[in-house]
Amino acid sequence: MEFFNKTGKMAIGSRLRMLTDKITEDAAAIYKLYDVELKTKWFPVFFVLSNNERLTVTTIAKEIGHSHPSVSKIIREMSACGIINECKDEADGRLNLIQLSPKGQEIAKKLVDQLSDVGAAIDSISKQTTHDLWKAIEEWEYLLNQKSLLKYVEEERKKRESTYVEVVPYTSDYQDTFRALNEEWISRYFEMEDADHKALDNPQASIIDNGGCIFVALYKNIPVGVCALLKMDDDYYDYEFAKMAVSPKAQGKNIGFLLGQVALKKALELGASRLYLESNTVLKPAINLYQKLGFKKVIGHATPYKRCNIQMELILNKEVAKE
């Protein structure tokens, strides 16, 4: 259709709805053709009941993948038409059991020929098509159960947005940004501590002049994220991955991950074999990011921060780390 050629895949929901409406309209006419007293929306419930003696609403809902309230509504409608009967479970009087009534059983017999003819008709249509719609639906259902369309779109949005991101080395022009971004998230969840003031008040002296590095993420040339590598006076760890902060306005653009990748690449260039970081488990997105970058939980290292309740490390050079 010309309209959908214009909209492209954006209108997939509308297109599927139109196809569903067309098939549903024909389905109602098909039931009349076979003199079967069923509504199309009842069929999943009816089919399950026709293959079982008695079932609870919960069991039916689970079997057909519908919600309990929607199945309950269908049961009430079918009961009003005399297609099903309800009775109490003899073993547990709290449970209602649903079964086909004699009228429902007669409908089930009449439905046999209809199901056979409909199946043959679908096969006939499929033979005239290049692609197997039934298999395609199965594949889409499986994939969307693994990951929602929303998640797919979010990932594509991140990819596109990340093309506008550039990570650059720190200069004094970014001193206020470095402090503001870090102070913003720290104050939101915790309190600024002495170690924060030392690092943020004069990053040149406290970080860079001590052998560390700071990186700034620019989104369309506007600074929106920062992170640092702090040279550690430690016999085990080479650098601390620290002071990661991204503006709330720029989150969801993969900026934290891009900053992390640049920092890890720089650490390798500097010959680092082990990186260390400190965080707090209340910062779930940050913990997920660190894990995505390859950091794993460790314990036992001294920390100057009261807010620290998780420590992590990343082995960059396994051969050197063994020594």
C-alpha atoms as a PDB file:
ATOM      1  CA  MET A   1       0.000   0.000   0.000  1.00  0.00           C
ATOM      2  CA  GLU A   2       1.260   3.453  -0.944  1.00  0.00           C
ATOM      3  CA  PHE A   3       0.683   4.892   2.537  1.00  0.00           C
ATOM      4  CA  PHE A   4       2.885   2.275   4.205  1.00  0.00           C
ATOM      5  CA  ASN A   5       5.532   2.736   1.529  1.00  0.00           C
ATOM      6  CA  LYS A   6       5.657   6.369   2.657  1.00  0.00           C
ATOM      7  CA  THR A   7       5.720   5.678   6.405  1.00  0.00           C
ATOM      8  CA  GLY A   8       8.115   2.758   6.189  1.00  0.00           C
ATOM      9  CA  LYS A   9       8.556   0.388   9.127  1.00  0.00           C
ATOM     10  CA  MET A  10       7.435   3.064  11.596  1.00  0.00           C
ATOM     11  CA  ALA A  11       3.827   2.024  10.951  1.00  0.00           C
ATOM     12  CA  ILE A  12       4.334  -1.697  11.614  1.00  0.00           C
ATOM     13  CA  GLY A  13       1.734  -1.641  14.406  1.00  0.00           C
ATOM     14  CA  SER A  14      -0.903   0.022  12.211  1.00  0.00           C
ATOM     15  CA  ARG A  15      -0.209  -2.335   9.330  1.00  0.00           C
ATOM     16  CA  LEU A  16      -0.473  -5.423  11.518  1.00  0.00           C
ATOM     17  CA  ARG A  17      -3.699  -4.083  13.041  1.00  0.00           C
ATOM     18  CA  MET A  18      -5.220  -3.613   9.594  1.00  0.00           C
ATOM     19  CA  LEU A  19      -4.248  -7.167   8.628  1.00  0.00           C
ATOM     20  CA  THR A  20      -5.642  -8.471  11.930  1.00  0.00           C
ATOM     21  CA  ASP A  21      -8.897  -6.556  11.432  1.00  0.00           C
ATOM     22  CA  LYS A  22      -9.270  -7.978   7.918  1.00  0.00           C
ATOM     23  CA  ILE A  23      -8.686 -11.555   9.104  1.00  0.00           C
ATOM     24  CA  THR A  24     -10.951 -11.090  12.147  1.00  0.00           C
ATOM     25  CA  GLU A  25     -13.762  -9.771   9.951  1.00  0.00           C
ATOM     26  CA  ASP A  26     -13.455 -12.806   7.683  1.00  0.00           C
ATOM     27  CA  ALA A  27     -13.249 -15.116  10.703  1.00  0.00           C
ATOM     28  CA  ALA A  28     -16.635 -13.912  11.964  1.00  0.00           C
ATOM     29  CA  ALA A  29     -18.123 -14.619   8.538  1.00  0.00           C
ATOM     30  CA  ILE A  30     -16.493 -18.068   8.474  1.00  0.00           C
ATOM     31  CA  TYR A  31     -18.138 -19.007  11.782  1.00  0.00           C
ATOM     32  CA  LYS A  32     -21.520 -18.066  10.255  1.00  0.00           C
ATOM     33  CA  LEU A  33     -20.703 -20.088   7.141  1.00  0.00           C
ATOM     34  CA  TYR A  34     -20.317 -23.215   9.290  1.00  0.00           C
ATOM     35  CA  ASP A  35     -23.211 -22.261  11.588  1.00  0.00           C
ATOM     36  CA  VAL A  36     -20.870 -22.199  14.578  1.00  0.00           C
ATOM     37  CA  GLU A  37     -22.028 -19.977  17.435  1.00  0.00           C
ATOM     38  CA  LEU A  38     -18.667 -18.552  18.500  1.00  0.00           C
ATOM     39  CA  LYS A  39     -17.086 -15.130  18.598  1.00  0.00           C
ATOM     40  CA  THR A  40     -13.549 -14.938  17.230  1.00  0.00           C
ATOM     41  CA  LYS A  41     -12.127 -13.711  20.533  1.00  0.00           C
ATOM     42  CA  TRP A  42     -13.551 -16.777  22.314  1.00  0.00           C
ATOM     43  CA  PHE A  43     -11.679 -19.289  20.158  1.00  0.00           C
ATOM     44  CA  PRO A  44      -8.453 -19.643  22.267  1.00  0.00           C
ATOM     45  CA  VAL A  45     -10.484 -20.329  25.426  1.00  0.00           C
ATOM     46  CA  PHE A  46     -12.891 -22.640  23.603  1.00  0.00           C
ATOM     47  CA  PHE A  47     -10.057 -24.581  21.946  1.00  0.00           C
ATOM     48  CA  VAL A  48      -8.288 -25.212  25.265  1.00  0.00           C
ATOM     49  CA  LEU A  49     -11.521 -26.339  26.916  1.00  0.00           C
ATOM     50  CA  SER A  50     -12.347 -28.631  23.999  1.00  0.00           C
ATOM     51  CA  ASN A  51      -9.120 -30.523  24.657  1.00  0.00           C
ATOM     52  CA  ASN A  52      -9.551 -30.742  28.435  1.00  0.00           C
ATOM     53  CA  GLU A  53     -12.335 -31.804  30.767  1.00  0.00           C
ATOM     54  CA  ARG A  54     -12.176 -29.095  33.418  1.00  0.00           C
ATOM     55  CA  LEU A  55      -9.811 -26.169  33.912  1.00  0.00           C
ATOM     56  CA  THR A  56      -9.476 -23.141  36.178  1.00  0.00           C
ATOM     57  CA  VAL A  57      -9.405 -19.620  34.773  1.00  0.00           C
ATOM     58  CA  THR A  58      -5.771 -19.334  35.881  1.00  0.00           C
ATOM     59  CA  THR A  59      -4.798 -22.463  33.969  1.00  0.00           C
ATOM     60  CA  ILE A  60      -6.593 -21.273  30.832  1.00  0.00           C
ATOM     61  CA  ALA A  61      -4.983 -17.835  31.030  1.00  0.00           C
ATOM     62  CA  LYS A  62      -1.534 -19.379  31.358  1.00  0.00           C
ATOM     63  CA  GLU A  63      -2.152 -21.786  28.486  1.00  0.00           C
ATOM     64  CA  ILE A  64      -3.243 -19.141  25.969  1.00  0.00           C
ATOM     65  CA  GLY A  65      -1.028 -16.306  27.204  1.00  0.00           C
ATOM     66  CA  HIS A  66      -3.882 -13.955  28.152  1.00  0.00           C
ATOM     67  CA  SER A  67      -4.430 -12.039  31.371  1.00  0.00           C
ATOM     68  CA  HIS A  68      -6.666 -13.484  34.096  1.00  0.00           C
ATOM     69  CA  PRO A  69      -9.189 -10.589  33.838  1.00  0.00           C
ATOM     70  CA  SER A  70      -9.533 -10.956  30.048  1.00  0.00           C
ATOM     71  CA  VAL A  71     -10.141 -14.719  30.333  1.00  0.00           C
ATOM     72  CA  SER A  72     -12.656 -14.155  33.144  1.00  0.00           C
ATOM     73  CA  LYS A  73     -14.578 -11.734  30.911  1.00  0.00           C
ATOM     74  CA  ILE A  74     -14.651 -14.248  28.027  1.00  0.00           C
ATOM     75  CA  ILE A  75     -15.800 -16.987  30.428  1.00  0.00           C
ATOM     76  CA  ARG A  76     -18.713 -14.804  31.556  1.00  0.00           C
ATOM     77  CA  GLU A  77     -19.719 -14.108  27.953  1.00  0.00           C
ATOM     78  CA  MET A  78     -19.519 -17.794  26.956  1.00  0.00           C
ATOM     79  CA  SER A  79     -21.434 -18.799  30.077  1.00  0.00           C
ATOM     80  CA  ALA A  80     -24.212 -16.335  29.227  1.00  0.00           C
ATOM     81  CA  CYS A  81     -24.555 -18.086  25.853  1.00  0.00           C
ATOM     82  CA  GLY A  82     -24.706 -21.505  27.477  1.00  0.00           C
ATOM     83  CA  ILE A  83     -21.459 -22.715  25.904  1.00  0.00           C
ATOM     84  CA  ILE A  84     -19.706 -23.507  29.191  1.00  0.00           C
ATOM     85  CA  ASN A  85     -20.586 -24.598  32.712  1.00  0.00           C
ATOM     86  CA  GLU A  86     -18.858 -23.714  35.960  1.00  0.00           C
ATOM     87  CA  CYS A  87     -18.607 -25.900  39.050  1.00  0.00           C
ATOM     88  CA  LYS A  88     -16.655 -26.045  42.291  1.00  0.00           C
ATOM     89  CA  ASP A  89     -13.585 -28.230  42.566  1.00  0.00           C
ATOM     90  CA  GLU A  90     -14.450 -31.177  44.807  1.00  0.00           C
ATOM     91  CA  ALA A  91     -10.942 -31.245  46.270  1.00  0.00           C
ATOM     92  CA  ASP A  92     -10.773 -27.477  46.836  1.00  0.00           C
ATOM     93  CA  GLY A  93     -14.086 -25.677  47.119  1.00  0.00           C
ATOM     94  CA  ARG A  94     -12.394 -22.313  46.641  1.00  0.00           C
ATOM     95  CA  LEU A  95     -11.634 -23.107  42.997  1.00  0.00           C
ATOM     96  CA  ASN A  96     -14.079 -22.739  40.107  1.00  0.00           C
ATOM     97  CA  LEU A  97     -13.667 -25.250  37.307  1.00  0.00           C
ATOM     98  CA  ILE A  98     -14.719 -24.462  33.740  1.00  0.00           C
ATOM     99  CA  GLN A  99     -15.916 -27.050  31.230  1.00  0.00           C
ATOM    100  CA  LEU A 100     -17.830 -27.144  27.956  1.00  0.00           C
ATOM    101  CA  SER A 101     -21.578 -27.537  28.322  1.00  0.00           C
ATOM    102  CA  PRO A 102     -23.481 -30.033  26.115  1.00  0.00           C
ATOM    103  CA  LYS A 103     -24.062 -27.104  23.733  1.00  0.00           C
ATOM    104  CA  GLY A 104     -20.344 -26.365  23.736  1.00  0.00           C
ATOM    105  CA  GLN A 105     -19.527 -29.985  23.021  1.00  0.00           C
ATOM    106  CA  GLU A 106     -21.843 -29.932  19.991  1.00  0.00           C
ATOM    107  CA  ILE A 107     -20.097 -26.794  18.743  1.00  0.00           C
ATOM    108  CA  ALA A 108     -16.750 -28.565  19.156  1.00  0.00           C
ATOM    109  CA  LYS A 109     -17.959 -31.369  16.879  1.00  0.00           C
ATOM    110  CA  LYS A 110     -19.145 -28.904  14.231  1.00  0.00           C
ATOM    111  CA  LEU A 111     -15.840 -27.037  14.480  1.00  0.00           C
ATOM    112  CA  VAL A 112     -13.794 -30.014  13.263  1.00  0.00           C
ATOM    113  CA  ASP A 113     -14.592 -29.477   9.577  1.00  0.00           C
ATOM    114  CA  GLN A 114     -14.167 -25.722   9.883  1.00  0.00           C
ATOM    115  CA  LEU A 115     -10.696 -26.089  11.419  1.00  0.00           C
ATOM    116  CA  SER A 116      -9.694 -28.480   8.644  1.00  0.00           C
ATOM    117  CA  ASP A 117     -10.901 -26.148   5.890  1.00  0.00           C
ATOM    118  CA  VAL A 118      -9.354 -23.043   7.459  1.00  0.00           C
ATOM    119  CA  GLY A 119      -6.008 -24.824   7.807  1.00  0.00           C
ATOM    120  CA  ALA A 120      -6.128 -25.867   4.156  1.00  0.00           C
ATOM    121  CA  ALA A 121      -7.030 -22.315   3.126  1.00  0.00           C
ATOM    122  CA  ILE A 122      -4.072 -20.883   5.043  1.00  0.00           C
ATOM    123  CA  ASP A 123      -1.796 -23.421   3.358  1.00  0.00           C
ATOM    124  CA  SER A 124      -3.190 -22.388  -0.021  1.00  0.00           C
ATOM    125  CA  ILE A 125      -2.419 -18.720   0.673  1.00  0.00           C
ATOM    126  CA  SER A 126       1.070 -19.578   1.956  1.00  0.00           C
ATOM    127  CA  LYS A 127       1.905 -21.440  -1.262  1.00  0.00           C
ATOM    128  CA  GLN A 128       1.266 -18.221  -3.185  1.00  0.00           C
ATOM    129  CA  THR A 129       3.636 -16.158  -1.051  1.00  0.00           C
ATOM    130  CA  THR A 130       7.407 -15.807  -1.074  1.00  0.00           C
ATOM    131  CA  HIS A 131       7.681 -15.790   2.707  1.00  0.00           C
ATOM    132  CA  ASP A 132       6.048 -18.044   5.283  1.00  0.00           C
ATOM    133  CA  LEU A 133       4.020 -15.698   7.490  1.00  0.00           C
ATOM    134  CA  TRP A 134       3.361 -18.336  10.143  1.00  0.00           C
ATOM    135  CA  LYS A 135       7.072 -19.047  10.638  1.00  0.00           C
ATOM    136  CA  ALA A 136       7.857 -15.343  10.535  1.00  0.00           C
ATOM    137  CA  ILE A 137       5.328 -14.683  13.304  1.00  0.00           C
ATOM    138  CA  GLU A 138       6.918 -17.430  15.412  1.00  0.00           C
ATOM    139  CA  GLU A 139      10.346 -15.884  14.908  1.00  0.00           C
ATOM    140  CA  TRP A 140       9.115 -12.377  15.784  1.00  0.00           C
ATOM    141  CA  GLU A 141       7.314 -13.643  18.886  1.00  0.00           C
ATOM    142  CA  TYR A 142      10.443 -15.430  20.045  1.00  0.00           C
ATOM    143  CA  LEU A 143      12.721 -12.443  19.460  1.00  0.00           C
ATOM    144  CA  LEU A 144      10.344  -9.941  21.078  1.00  0.00           C
ATOM    145  CA  ASN A 145       9.982 -12.215  24.099  1.00  0.00           C
ATOM    146  CA  GLN A 146      13.761 -12.120  24.466  1.00  0.00           C
ATOM    147  CA  LYS A 147      13.959  -8.368  23.997  1.00  0.00           C
ATOM    148  CA  SER A 148      11.126  -5.890  23.478  1.00  0.00           C
ATOM    149  CA  LEU A 149      10.749  -3.637  20.467  1.00  0.00           C
ATOM    150  CA  LEU A 150      11.221  -0.732  22.883  1.00  0.00           C
ATOM    151  CA  LYS A 151      14.626  -2.119  23.871  1.00  0.00           C
ATOM    152  CA  TYR A 152      15.639  -2.550  20.237  1.00  0.00           C
ATOM    153  CA  VAL A 153      14.648   1.067  19.527  1.00  0.00           C
ATOM    154  CA  GLU A 154      16.523   2.317  22.596  1.00  0.00           C
ATOM    155  CA  GLU A 155      19.673   0.543  21.392  1.00  0.00           C
ATOM    156  CA  GLU A 156      19.384   2.007  17.892  1.00  0.00           C
ATOM    157  CA  ARG A 157      18.800   5.454  19.401  1.00  0.00           C
ATOM    158  CA  LYS A 158      21.981   5.086  21.436  1.00  0.00           C
ATOM    159  CA  LYS A 159      23.941   4.093  18.333  1.00  0.00           C
ATOM    160  CA  ARG A 160      22.705   7.133  16.431  1.00  0.00           C
ATOM    161  CA  GLU A 161      23.193   9.535  19.322  1.00  0.00           C
ATOM    162  CA  SER A 162      26.697   8.207  19.964  1.00  0.00           C
ATOM    163  CA  THR A 163      27.781   9.412  16.519  1.00  0.00           C
ATOM    164  CA  TYR A 164      27.427  12.960  17.863  1.00  0.00           C
ATOM    165  CA  VAL A 165      29.740  12.220  20.809  1.00  0.00           C
ATOM    166  CA  GLU A 166      33.433  13.031  20.845  1.00  0.00           C
ATOM    167  CA  VAL A 167      35.721  12.228  23.782  1.00  0.00           C
ATOM    168  CA  VAL A 168      38.578  14.706  24.203  1.00  0.00           C
ATOM    169  CA  PRO A 169      41.450  15.140  26.704  1.00  0.00           C
ATOM    170  CA  TYR A 170      40.913  17.496  29.628  1.00  0.00           C
ATOM    171  CA  THR A 171      42.044  21.114  29.480  1.00  0.00           C
ATOM    172  CA  SER A 172      41.598  23.868  32.019  1.00  0.00           C
ATOM    173  CA  ASP A 173      38.604  25.095  29.999  1.00  0.00           C
ATOM    174  CA  TYR A 174      36.685  22.116  31.363  1.00  0.00           C
ATOM    175  CA  GLN A 175      37.568  22.555  35.051  1.00  0.00           C
ATOM    176  CA  ASP A 176      34.162  24.005  35.998  1.00  0.00           C
ATOM    177  CA  THR A 177      32.367  21.287  33.986  1.00  0.00           C
ATOM    178  CA  PHE A 178      34.406  18.537  35.643  1.00  0.00           C
ATOM    179  CA  ARG A 179      33.473  19.783  39.080  1.00  0.00           C
ATOM    180  CA  ALA A 180      29.834  20.617  38.300  1.00  0.00           C
ATOM    181  CA  LEU A 181      28.994  17.238  36.732  1.00  0.00           C
ATOM    182  CA  ASN A 182      30.541  15.293  39.602  1.00  0.00           C
ATOM    183  CA  GLU A 183      29.122  17.521  42.321  1.00  0.00           C
ATOM    184  CA  GLU A 184      25.664  17.174  40.753  1.00  0.00           C
ATOM    185  CA  TRP A 185      25.426  13.381  41.055  1.00  0.00           C
ATOM    186  CA  ILE A 186      27.286  13.137  44.366  1.00  0.00           C
ATOM    187  CA  SER A 187      24.977  15.698  46.013  1.00  0.00           C
ATOM    188  CA  ARG A 188      21.928  13.956  44.566  1.00  0.00           C
ATOM    189  CA  TYR A 189      22.683  10.659  46.325  1.00  0.00           C
ATOM    190  CA  PHE A 190      25.310  11.378  48.997  1.00  0.00           C
ATOM    191  CA  GLU A 191      27.380  14.165  50.508  1.00  0.00           C
ATOM    192  CA  MET A 192      30.560  15.726  49.201  1.00  0.00           C
ATOM    193  CA  GLU A 193      33.597  14.426  51.104  1.00  0.00           C
ATOM    194  CA  ASP A 194      37.152  15.676  51.600  1.00  0.00           C
ATOM    195  CA  ALA A 195      38.481  13.375  48.889  1.00  0.00           C
ATOM    196  CA  ASP A 196      35.916  14.848  46.462  1.00  0.00           C
ATOM    197  CA  HIS A 197      36.970  18.417  47.169  1.00  0.00           C
ATOM    198  CA  LYS A 198      40.637  17.503  46.768  1.00  0.00           C
ATOM    199  CA  ALA A 199      40.066  15.963  43.331  1.00  0.00           C
ATOM    200  CA  LEU A 200      37.509  18.447  42.016  1.00  0.00           C
ATOM    201  CA  ASP A 201      38.818  21.789  43.297  1.00  0.00           C
ATOM    202  CA  ASN A 202      42.092  21.480  41.390  1.00  0.00           C
ATOM    203  CA  PRO A 203      42.030  18.504  39.002  1.00  0.00           C
ATOM    204  CA  GLN A 204      45.209  19.628  37.290  1.00  0.00           C
ATOM    205  CA  ALA A 205      47.239  19.358  40.486  1.00  0.00           C
ATOM    206  CA  SER A 206      45.429  16.431  42.116  1.00  0.00           C
ATOM    207  CA  ILE A 207      45.004  14.197  39.059  1.00  0.00           C
ATOM    208  CA  ILE A 208      46.959  15.194  35.960  1.00  0.00           C
ATOM    209  CA  ASP A 209      50.166  16.395  37.618  1.00  0.00           C
ATOM    210  CA  ASN A 210      50.198  13.122  39.591  1.00  0.00           C
ATOM    211  CA  GLY A 211      50.270  11.053  36.395  1.00  0.00           C
ATOM    212  CA  GLY A 212      46.552  10.659  35.834  1.00  0.00           C
ATOM    213  CA  CYS A 213      44.208  11.600  32.990  1.00  0.00           C
ATOM    214  CA  ILE A 214      40.815  13.204  32.603  1.00  0.00           C
ATOM    215  CA  PHE A 215      38.481  12.732  29.649  1.00  0.00           C
ATOM    216  CA  VAL A 216      35.590  14.920  28.570  1.00  0.00           C
ATOM    217  CA  ALA A 217      32.663  13.786  26.409  1.00  0.00           C
ATOM    218  CA  LEU A 218      31.251  16.394  24.050  1.00  0.00           C
ATOM    219  CA  TYR A 219      27.757  15.951  22.630  1.00  0.00           C
ATOM    220  CA  LYS A 220      27.442  18.213  19.604  1.00  0.00           C
ATOM    221  CA  ASN A 221      30.448  20.117  21.021  1.00  0.00           C
ATOM    222  CA  ILE A 222      28.825  20.636  24.431  1.00  0.00           C
ATOM    223  CA  PRO A 223      30.594  19.009  27.435  1.00  0.00           C
ATOM    224  CA  VAL A 224      28.165  16.546  29.019  1.00  0.00           C
ATOM    225  CA  GLY A 225      30.306  13.815  30.579  1.00  0.00           C
ATOM    226  CA  VAL A 226      33.636  13.249  32.296  1.00  0.00           C
ATOM    227  CA  CYS A 227      35.753  10.503  33.812  1.00  0.00           C
ATOM    228  CA  ALA A 228      39.310  10.136  35.068  1.00  0.00           C
ATOM    229  CA  LEU A 229      42.194   7.761  35.568  1.00  0.00           C
ATOM    230  CA  LEU A 230      43.876   8.432  38.906  1.00  0.00           C
ATOM    231  CA  LYS A 231      47.466   7.185  39.271  1.00  0.00           C
ATOM    232  CA  MET A 232      47.539   4.990  42.349  1.00  0.00           C
ATOM    233  CA  ASP A 233      50.343   4.734  44.867  1.00  0.00           C
ATOM    234  CA  ASP A 234      49.694   1.028  45.147  1.00  0.00           C
ATOM    235  CA  ASP A 235      51.737  -2.130  44.587  1.00  0.00           C
ATOM    236  CA  TYR A 236      48.787  -3.936  43.011  1.00  0.00           C
ATOM    237  CA  TYR A 237      46.619  -1.468  41.075  1.00  0.00           C
ATOM    238  CA  ASP A 238      48.000   0.976  38.511  1.00  0.00           C
ATOM    239  CA  TYR A 239      45.093   3.394  38.082  1.00  0.00           C
ATOM    240  CA  GLU A 240      41.734   4.092  39.653  1.00  0.00           C
ATOM    241  CA  PHE A 241      38.873   4.559  37.241  1.00  0.00           C
ATOM    242  CA  ALA A 242      37.032   7.433  38.900  1.00  0.00           C
ATOM    243  CA  LYS A 243      34.974  10.620  38.720  1.00  0.00           C
ATOM    244  CA  MET A 244      32.620   9.270  36.082  1.00  0.00           C
ATOM    245  CA  ALA A 245      29.700  11.664  35.616  1.00  0.00           C
ATOM    246  CA  VAL A 246      27.210  12.269  32.812  1.00  0.00           C
ATOM    247  CA  SER A 247      24.684  15.077  32.726  1.00  0.00           C
ATOM    248  CA  PRO A 248      21.113  13.814  33.307  1.00  0.00           C
ATOM    249  CA  LYS A 249      20.118  15.697  30.153  1.00  0.00           C
ATOM    250  CA  ALA A 250      22.540  13.608  28.092  1.00  0.00           C
ATOM    251  CA  GLN A 251      21.890  10.168  29.546  1.00  0.00           C
ATOM    252  CA  GLY A 252      20.687   7.410  27.246  1.00  0.00           C
ATOM    253  CA  LYS A 253      23.204   8.321  24.544  1.00  0.00           C
ATOM    254  CA  ASN A 254      25.858   5.703  25.406  1.00  0.00           C
ATOM    255  CA  ILE A 255      28.144   8.456  26.679  1.00  0.00           C
ATOM    256  CA  GLY A 256      29.291   6.626  29.821  1.00  0.00           C
ATOM    257  CA  PHE A 257      30.307   3.563  27.817  1.00  0.00           C
ATOM    258  CA  LEU A 258      32.174   5.677  25.228  1.00  0.00           C
ATOM    259  CA  LEU A 259      34.039   7.495  28.009  1.00  0.00           C
ATOM    260  CA  GLY A 260      34.915   4.167  29.606  1.00  0.00           C
ATOM    261  CA  GLN A 261      36.231   2.715  26.357  1.00  0.00           C
ATOM    262  CA  VAL A 262      38.512   5.709  25.787  1.00  0.00           C
ATOM    263  CA  ALA A 263      39.784   5.540  29.373  1.00  0.00           C
ATOM    264  CA  LEU A 264      40.536   1.809  29.124  1.00  0.00           C
ATOM    265  CA  LYS A 265      42.368   2.297  25.818  1.00  0.00           C
ATOM    266  CA  LYS A 266      44.480   5.048  27.407  1.00  0.00           C
ATOM    267  CA  ALA A 267      45.232   2.846  30.417  1.00  0.00           C
ATOM    268  CA  LEU A 268      46.557   0.148  28.085  1.00  0.00           C
ATOM    269  CA  GLU A 269      48.699   2.726  26.270  1.00  0.00           C
ATOM    270  CA  LEU A 270      50.136   3.751  29.646  1.00  0.00           C
ATOM    271  CA  GLY A 271      51.068   0.129  30.341  1.00  0.00           C
ATOM    272  CA  ALA A 272      48.487  -0.466  33.057  1.00  0.00           C
ATOM    273  CA  SER A 273      47.677  -4.087  33.905  1.00  0.00           C
ATOM    274  CA  ARG A 274      45.057  -3.568  36.637  1.00  0.00           C
ATOM    275  CA  LEU A 275      42.391  -0.914  37.166  1.00  0.00           C
ATOM    276  CA  TYR A 276      40.405  -0.284  40.332  1.00  0.00           C
ATOM    277  CA  LEU A 277      37.180   1.585  41.060  1.00  0.00           C
ATOM    278  CA  GLU A 278      34.862   2.382  43.955  1.00  0.00           C
ATOM    279  CA  SER A 279      31.119   2.930  43.826  1.00  0.00           C
ATOM    280  CA  ASN A 280      27.855   2.355  45.636  1.00  0.00           C
ATOM    281  CA  THR A 281      25.253  -0.286  44.769  1.00  0.00           C
ATOM    282  CA  VAL A 282      22.455   2.307  44.833  1.00  0.00           C
ATOM    283  CA  LEU A 283      23.912   3.508  41.522  1.00  0.00           C
ATOM    284  CA  LYS A 284      22.599   0.559  39.510  1.00  0.00           C
ATOM    285  CA  PRO A 285      23.122   2.066  36.019  1.00  0.00           C
ATOM    286  CA  ALA A 286      26.737   2.838  36.945  1.00  0.00           C
ATOM    287  CA  ILE A 287      27.347  -0.698  38.262  1.00  0.00           C
ATOM    288  CA  ASN A 288      25.840  -2.129  35.071  1.00  0.00           C
ATOM    289  CA  LEU A 289      28.149   0.094  33.023  1.00  0.00           C
ATOM    290  CA  TYR A 290      31.246  -1.019  34.940  1.00  0.00           C
ATOM    291  CA  GLN A 291      30.276  -4.659  34.451  1.00  0.00           C
ATOM    292  CA  LYS A 292      29.744  -4.026  30.750  1.00  0.00           C
ATOM    293  CA  LEU A 293      33.263  -2.579  30.598  1.00  0.00           C
ATOM    294  CA  GLY A 294      34.577  -5.752  32.235  1.00  0.00           C
ATOM    295  CA  PHE A 295      34.990  -4.781  35.905  1.00  0.00           C
ATOM    296  CA  LYS A 296      34.359  -7.432  38.553  1.00  0.00           C
ATOM    297  CA  LYS A 297      33.673  -7.135  42.283  1.00  0.00           C
ATOM    298  CA  VAL A 298      36.563  -7.373  44.771  1.00  0.00           C
ATOM    299  CA  ILE A 299      36.850  -6.710  48.504  1.00  0.00           C
ATOM    300  CA  GLY A 300      39.368  -5.564  51.028  1.00  0.00           C
ATOM    301  CA  HIS A 301      40.941  -2.389  49.612  1.00  0.00           C
ATOM    302  CA  ALA A 302      41.175   0.723  51.792  1.00  0.00           C
ATOM    303  CA  THR A 303      38.905   3.601  50.757  1.00  0.00           C
ATOM    304  CA  PRO A 304      38.695   7.289  51.719  1.00  0.00           C
ATOM    305  CA  TYR A 305      34.971   7.452  50.893  1.00  0.00           C
ATOM    306  CA  LYS A 306      32.142   6.822  53.346  1.00  0.00           C
ATOM    307  CA  ARG A 307      29.711   6.182  50.468  1.00  0.00           C
ATOM    308  CA  CYS A 308      31.760   3.331  48.995  1.00  0.00           C
ATOM    309  CA  ASN A 309      30.131  -0.085  49.506  1.00  0.00           C
ATOM    310  CA  ILE A 310      31.436  -1.876  46.424  1.00  0.00           C
ATOM    311  CA  GLN A 311      34.914  -2.163  44.955  1.00  0.00           C
ATOM    312  CA  MET A 312      35.696  -3.507  41.501  1.00  0.00           C
ATOM    313  CA  GLU A 313      38.729  -4.312  39.376  1.00  0.00           C
ATOM    314  CA  LEU A 314      39.572  -4.882  35.743  1.00  0.00           C
ATOM    315  CA  ILE A 315      42.530  -6.957  34.626  1.00  0.00           C
ATOM    316  CA  LEU A 316      43.831  -5.366  31.419  1.00  0.00           C
ATOM    317  CA  ASN A 317      46.962  -7.472  30.954  1.00  0.00           C
ATOM    318  CA  LYS A 318      46.490 -10.970  32.350  1.00  0.00           C
ATOM    319  CA  GLU A 319      50.087 -12.027  31.719  1.00  0.00           C
ATOM    320  CA  VAL A 320      51.525  -9.065  33.630  1.00  0.00           C
ATOM    321  CA  ALA A 321      48.836  -9.394  36.310  1.00  0.00           C
ATOM    322  CA  LYS A 322      50.021 -12.938  37.070  1.00  0.00           C
ATOM    323  CA  GLU A 323      53.496 -11.695  38.020  1.00  0.00           C
END
